[in-house]
Amino acid sequence: MNHLLTFIGGLCLCLVLLAGCETGVEDRVPDATSYIKQFNVTPGVVDFRGQTDQVFDSTLSIELSGQIEEATEATRISFSVTDIQEPDKGIEGIIHLNPITRHNGTFIEEISYTISTSTTTNILVVVTVKDESGNGNYAQSVIRVNGISNSPPEIIYADNPTEYSIPQSGTENIRFMAKVTDEDGQTNIEGVFLRLISQTNGEAANSPFKLFDDGQSFGDQTADDSLYTLTFPVNSENQPDTYNIFYYAIDRAGLVSDTVKTTFTLVE
C-alpha cells in the first residue's frame, strides 16, 4: 500500500474559515438623496474561547459608525442585527444622525446583542438609509462569533469495507465514511479525521487524514449531510495487508469525540 500512502499525502488540505468582518456597501440608488458612503462595525470577531469555560448569555456591545452623503433633516437610518443560524432572534432599531455639515452627516451608535457563549455563528449587521422619498441604500457587515462547546462532537457510525481485493489492473477508489454530529451545531465541527495504521508497517505517512462533507472532494456525494467521506486509491502494486482505522472528530473548542475503530484488509 506504499503507493496509496504516497498519493494520500496530497490530501492534507487547509480548511478556510471566515475569520474576520466582511463589510460591503450597496451602490447608491441613482435618484437617492441620502446614501451611505462609509460603514464600520466593531468588533469584527468575538471569540469566547480562552475567555471562559462557562456557558451563559453574554451581552455584546456592537458599535456601528459611518458617513451619510447628501443628508437632510428627513434622512432616516435603521439597523438590524441577525444571527444567521437563528434569524428569529434578530433585533432592529433606529440610528440617530449627528448634526449635518454641508449636506454630510455621520452616525455612531452602540447597540447591545445577547448571545450564548456556546454559540458559534455569523451575525449579520445591516444598516439602511432612506430619504424623505424612500430612496437610499444599505450597508452590511458580518461579525464572526466563536463560542465554547457544551459537548464534543459525536461519531454516529463509521463505515468502510472490511476486505477489498487488489485490482489486477487500473486504479480503484475505496470509500471511508463517518456520520458525525455536534449538539452545538454542525458548523462547530472543526474537522473529521481518520488514522490509517498498517498492522505490518505501522502508521501511514501523513496520517491522520481529513474527511470531507462538501459534496465534491474525494468521493463525498452530498454536501452538509453530516456524512464525511474520503477515498483511497488502490492498484495492482499494492501489497496484501490489514489496517486499523481510527475515526475521530474535533470541534472548534478543541473537544474530541470518542474514537471509533474499524479494520480494513487488502487481499489478493
Protein backbone atom coordinates (compact mmCIF):
# COMPACT_ATOMS: atom_id res chain seq x y z
CA MET A 1 0.00 0.00 0.00
CA ASN A 2 3.05 2.25 -0.29
CA HIS A 3 1.72 3.90 -3.44
CA LEU A 4 -1.53 4.58 -1.63
CA LEU A 5 0.33 6.29 1.19
CA THR A 6 2.44 8.42 -1.17
CA PHE A 7 -0.62 9.56 -3.08
CA ILE A 8 -2.60 10.32 0.04
CA GLY A 9 -0.07 12.91 1.19
CA GLY A 10 -1.75 15.35 -1.17
CA LEU A 11 -4.99 15.10 0.75
CA CYS A 12 -3.87 17.34 3.61
CA LEU A 13 -5.86 20.40 2.66
CA CYS A 14 -6.49 23.51 4.73
CA LEU A 15 -9.98 24.46 5.82
CA VAL A 16 -10.57 28.11 5.07
CA LEU A 17 -12.72 29.76 7.72
CA LEU A 18 -14.30 33.15 7.88
CA ALA A 19 -12.02 34.87 10.37
CA GLY A 20 -13.00 38.50 10.26
CA CYS A 21 -15.54 41.12 9.41
CA GLU A 22 -16.64 41.30 5.79
CA THR A 23 -18.20 44.69 5.01
CA GLY A 24 -19.99 45.88 1.92
CA VAL A 25 -21.97 48.97 0.85
CA GLU A 26 -24.70 48.80 -1.77
CA ASP A 27 -24.32 51.06 -4.77
CA ARG A 28 -26.16 54.32 -4.45
CA VAL A 29 -29.69 54.35 -5.86
CA PRO A 30 -29.49 56.78 -8.84
CA ASP A 31 -32.34 59.00 -7.62
CA ALA A 32 -31.44 58.82 -3.96
CA THR A 33 -30.79 61.98 -1.99
CA SER A 34 -29.22 60.42 1.08
CA TYR A 35 -26.87 57.45 0.88
CA ILE A 36 -24.27 55.59 2.97
CA LYS A 37 -20.76 56.32 1.78
CA GLN A 38 -18.80 54.66 4.61
CA PHE A 39 -19.72 51.98 7.16
CA ASN A 40 -17.83 50.34 10.02
CA VAL A 41 -18.72 47.68 12.59
CA THR A 42 -16.77 46.86 15.75
CA PRO A 43 -15.91 44.19 16.77
CA GLY A 44 -15.30 42.09 13.67
CA VAL A 45 -14.70 38.89 15.65
CA VAL A 46 -16.00 37.75 19.05
CA ASP A 47 -14.07 34.82 20.49
CA PHE A 48 -15.26 33.29 23.76
CA ARG A 49 -12.65 30.55 23.56
CA GLY A 50 -9.93 31.10 26.12
CA GLN A 51 -12.01 33.79 27.85
CA THR A 52 -14.39 31.46 29.66
CA ASP A 53 -15.24 27.78 30.03
CA GLN A 54 -18.76 28.53 31.28
CA VAL A 55 -21.96 28.63 29.23
CA PHE A 56 -24.06 31.76 29.85
CA ASP A 57 -25.79 34.55 27.93
CA SER A 58 -23.30 37.30 27.16
CA THR A 59 -24.23 40.83 26.08
CA LEU A 60 -22.17 42.07 23.14
CA SER A 61 -21.59 45.78 22.62
CA ILE A 62 -21.63 46.39 18.88
CA GLU A 63 -20.59 49.80 17.59
CA LEU A 64 -21.96 50.98 14.24
CA SER A 65 -20.48 54.06 12.60
CA GLY A 66 -20.44 55.62 9.17
CA GLN A 67 -20.86 58.58 6.89
CA ILE A 68 -24.01 59.73 5.07
CA GLU A 69 -23.76 61.86 1.93
CA GLU A 70 -26.49 64.33 0.93
CA ALA A 71 -28.07 64.10 4.35
CA THR A 72 -31.11 66.17 5.31
CA GLU A 73 -33.26 66.51 8.39
CA ALA A 74 -35.60 63.96 6.79
CA THR A 75 -32.88 61.30 6.44
CA ARG A 76 -33.71 58.15 8.40
CA ILE A 77 -31.23 55.41 9.38
CA SER A 78 -32.22 51.98 10.69
CA PHE A 79 -30.33 48.84 11.63
CA SER A 80 -30.92 45.11 12.01
CA VAL A 81 -28.74 42.52 13.74
CA THR A 82 -29.43 38.86 12.93
CA ASP A 83 -27.89 35.55 13.93
CA ILE A 84 -27.62 33.80 10.57
CA GLN A 85 -28.30 30.42 12.17
CA GLU A 86 -31.29 31.68 14.17
CA PRO A 87 -32.96 34.54 12.24
CA ASP A 88 -35.88 34.72 14.70
CA LYS A 89 -33.53 36.11 17.35
CA GLY A 90 -32.76 39.28 15.43
CA ILE A 91 -33.18 42.83 16.70
CA GLU A 92 -33.74 46.12 14.87
CA GLY A 93 -33.90 49.81 15.66
CA ILE A 94 -33.25 53.41 14.67
CA ILE A 95 -29.85 55.15 14.46
CA HIS A 96 -29.58 58.87 15.24
CA LEU A 97 -27.79 61.11 12.76
CA ASN A 98 -25.25 63.57 14.08
CA PRO A 99 -25.56 67.26 13.16
CA ILE A 100 -25.32 67.77 9.40
CA THR A 101 -22.46 69.80 7.94
CA ARG A 102 -22.63 70.82 4.28
CA HIS A 103 -25.15 68.08 3.50
CA ASN A 104 -22.91 65.42 5.02
CA GLY A 105 -23.68 63.58 8.22
CA THR A 106 -22.12 60.94 10.41
CA PHE A 107 -23.52 58.42 12.84
CA ILE A 108 -22.17 56.34 15.67
CA GLU A 109 -24.40 54.01 17.63
CA GLU A 110 -23.71 51.37 20.26
CA ILE A 111 -26.21 48.55 20.45
CA SER A 112 -26.46 45.52 22.71
CA TYR A 113 -26.96 42.00 21.46
CA THR A 114 -27.33 38.93 23.68
CA ILE A 115 -25.79 35.62 22.65
CA SER A 116 -24.74 32.44 24.43
CA THR A 117 -21.03 31.85 24.97
CA SER A 118 -21.56 28.39 23.45
CA THR A 119 -22.74 29.80 20.10
CA THR A 120 -20.52 29.59 17.05
CA THR A 121 -22.12 31.57 14.25
CA ASN A 122 -22.05 34.62 11.97
CA ILE A 123 -24.01 37.73 12.93
CA LEU A 124 -25.26 39.82 10.02
CA VAL A 125 -25.43 43.59 10.66
CA VAL A 126 -27.36 45.70 8.14
CA VAL A 127 -27.77 49.49 8.17
CA THR A 128 -30.27 51.13 5.80
CA VAL A 129 -30.60 54.84 4.97
CA LYS A 130 -33.63 56.41 3.28
CA ASP A 131 -34.55 59.96 2.33
CA GLU A 132 -38.00 61.53 2.51
CA SER A 133 -38.95 59.80 -0.77
CA GLY A 134 -37.95 56.34 0.48
CA ASN A 135 -34.83 56.17 -1.70
CA GLY A 136 -31.41 55.29 -0.34
CA ASN A 137 -29.10 52.32 0.05
CA TYR A 138 -27.81 49.90 2.67
CA ALA A 139 -24.53 48.57 4.04
CA GLN A 140 -23.85 45.25 5.73
CA SER A 141 -21.15 43.51 7.71
CA VAL A 142 -20.60 40.10 9.27
CA ILE A 143 -19.35 39.53 12.81
CA ARG A 144 -17.80 36.11 13.43
CA VAL A 145 -18.63 34.56 16.82
CA ASN A 146 -16.51 31.64 18.09
CA GLY A 147 -18.22 30.00 21.04
CA ILE A 148 -17.09 27.40 23.52
CA SER A 149 -18.55 23.91 23.29
CA ASN A 150 -21.06 22.32 25.61
CA SER A 151 -20.13 18.86 24.39
CA PRO A 152 -17.73 17.20 21.95
CA PRO A 153 -18.85 16.02 18.51
CA GLU A 154 -20.21 12.51 18.22
CA ILE A 155 -19.43 9.86 15.62
CA ILE A 156 -22.76 8.12 14.98
CA TYR A 157 -21.13 5.39 12.91
CA ALA A 158 -18.13 4.71 10.69
CA ASP A 159 -18.14 2.60 7.56
CA ASN A 160 -15.53 1.15 5.24
CA PRO A 161 -15.03 -2.22 3.53
CA THR A 162 -13.65 -4.87 5.85
CA GLU A 163 -11.96 -6.60 2.91
CA TYR A 164 -11.03 -5.47 -0.59
CA SER A 165 -9.39 -7.36 -3.47
CA ILE A 166 -6.35 -5.73 -5.02
CA PRO A 167 -7.23 -4.94 -8.68
CA GLN A 168 -5.24 -6.75 -11.36
CA SER A 169 -5.05 -3.56 -13.45
CA GLY A 170 -6.00 0.10 -13.19
CA THR A 171 -6.78 2.06 -10.04
CA GLU A 172 -9.86 1.76 -7.86
CA ASN A 173 -11.01 4.13 -5.11
CA ILE A 174 -12.06 2.76 -1.73
CA ARG A 175 -14.53 4.87 0.24
CA PHE A 176 -14.20 5.52 4.00
CA MET A 177 -17.08 7.35 5.73
CA ALA A 178 -18.16 8.62 9.13
CA LYS A 179 -21.50 10.08 10.22
CA VAL A 180 -20.75 12.92 12.66
CA THR A 181 -22.96 15.36 14.55
CA ASP A 182 -22.44 18.09 17.14
CA GLU A 183 -25.01 19.30 19.68
CA ASP A 184 -23.61 22.81 19.31
CA GLY A 185 -24.31 22.76 15.55
CA GLN A 186 -22.59 21.27 12.55
CA THR A 187 -20.64 24.47 11.94
CA ASN A 188 -18.94 23.84 15.28
CA ILE A 189 -17.15 20.81 13.83
CA GLU A 190 -13.57 21.76 13.08
CA GLY A 191 -12.75 18.53 11.27
CA VAL A 192 -13.28 14.78 10.98
CA PHE A 193 -10.19 12.58 10.65
CA LEU A 194 -9.00 9.02 10.37
CA ARG A 195 -5.74 7.38 11.32
CA LEU A 196 -4.50 4.65 8.99
CA ILE A 197 -2.24 2.11 10.73
CA SER A 198 -0.79 -0.91 8.98
CA GLN A 199 -0.52 -3.97 11.19
CA THR A 200 2.71 -4.72 9.32
CA ASN A 201 4.39 -1.35 8.80
CA GLY A 202 2.82 0.97 11.36
CA GLU A 203 1.06 4.29 10.85
CA ALA A 204 0.92 5.71 7.34
CA ALA A 205 2.85 8.81 6.40
CA ASN A 206 0.67 11.96 6.63
CA SER A 207 -1.83 10.19 8.90
CA PRO A 208 -4.28 11.39 10.23
CA PHE A 209 -6.22 12.20 7.06
CA LYS A 210 -9.13 14.61 6.81
CA LEU A 211 -12.59 13.56 5.63
CA PHE A 212 -14.91 15.87 3.67
CA ASP A 213 -18.57 16.87 3.64
CA ASP A 214 -18.61 19.34 0.73
CA GLY A 215 -20.28 17.15 -1.90
CA GLN A 216 -17.29 17.17 -4.23
CA SER A 217 -13.97 16.30 -2.61
CA PHE A 218 -12.53 12.78 -2.51
CA GLY A 219 -15.72 10.82 -3.02
CA ASP A 220 -18.12 12.85 -0.89
CA GLN A 221 -21.51 12.74 -2.61
CA THR A 222 -23.71 15.23 -0.76
CA ALA A 223 -22.68 18.48 0.89
CA ASP A 224 -23.61 19.20 4.52
CA ASP A 225 -25.36 15.87 5.16
CA SER A 226 -23.11 15.11 8.17
CA LEU A 227 -21.60 12.17 6.27
CA TYR A 228 -17.86 12.79 5.95
CA THR A 229 -16.00 10.89 3.24
CA LEU A 230 -12.51 10.09 2.00
CA THR A 231 -11.37 7.74 -0.75
CA PHE A 232 -8.05 5.90 -1.01
CA PRO A 233 -6.73 4.74 -4.42
CA VAL A 234 -5.57 1.13 -4.75
CA ASN A 235 -3.86 -0.52 -7.74
CA SER A 236 -2.04 -3.74 -8.65
CA GLU A 237 1.19 -2.57 -6.99
CA ASN A 238 -0.36 -2.57 -3.53
CA GLN A 239 0.52 -5.45 -1.24
CA PRO A 240 -1.84 -7.52 0.94
CA ASP A 241 -2.08 -6.06 4.42
CA THR A 242 -4.51 -5.36 7.26
CA TYR A 243 -5.06 -1.85 8.59
CA ASN A 244 -6.55 -0.50 11.78
CA ILE A 245 -8.71 2.56 11.08
CA PHE A 246 -9.41 5.08 13.86
CA TYR A 247 -12.08 7.73 13.20
CA TYR A 248 -12.45 10.85 15.37
CA ALA A 249 -13.76 14.43 15.20
CA ILE A 250 -12.67 17.74 16.76
CA ASP A 251 -14.80 20.81 17.40
CA ARG A 252 -13.74 24.45 17.39
CA ALA A 253 -13.21 24.43 21.14
CA GLY A 254 -10.73 21.58 20.76
CA LEU A 255 -13.04 18.93 22.22
CA VAL A 256 -12.51 15.50 20.70
CA SER A 257 -15.11 12.80 20.07
CA ASP A 258 -14.79 9.21 21.13
CA THR A 259 -12.68 7.19 18.69
CA VAL A 260 -14.39 4.60 16.50
CA LYS A 261 -12.19 1.74 15.32
CA THR A 262 -12.65 -0.41 12.22
CA THR A 263 -10.34 -2.70 10.24
CA PHE A 264 -9.60 -2.89 6.55
CA THR A 265 -7.79 -5.71 4.73
CA LEU A 266 -6.31 -5.75 1.26
CA VAL A 267 -6.29 -9.28 -0.23
CA GLU A 268 -5.03 -10.74 -3.48
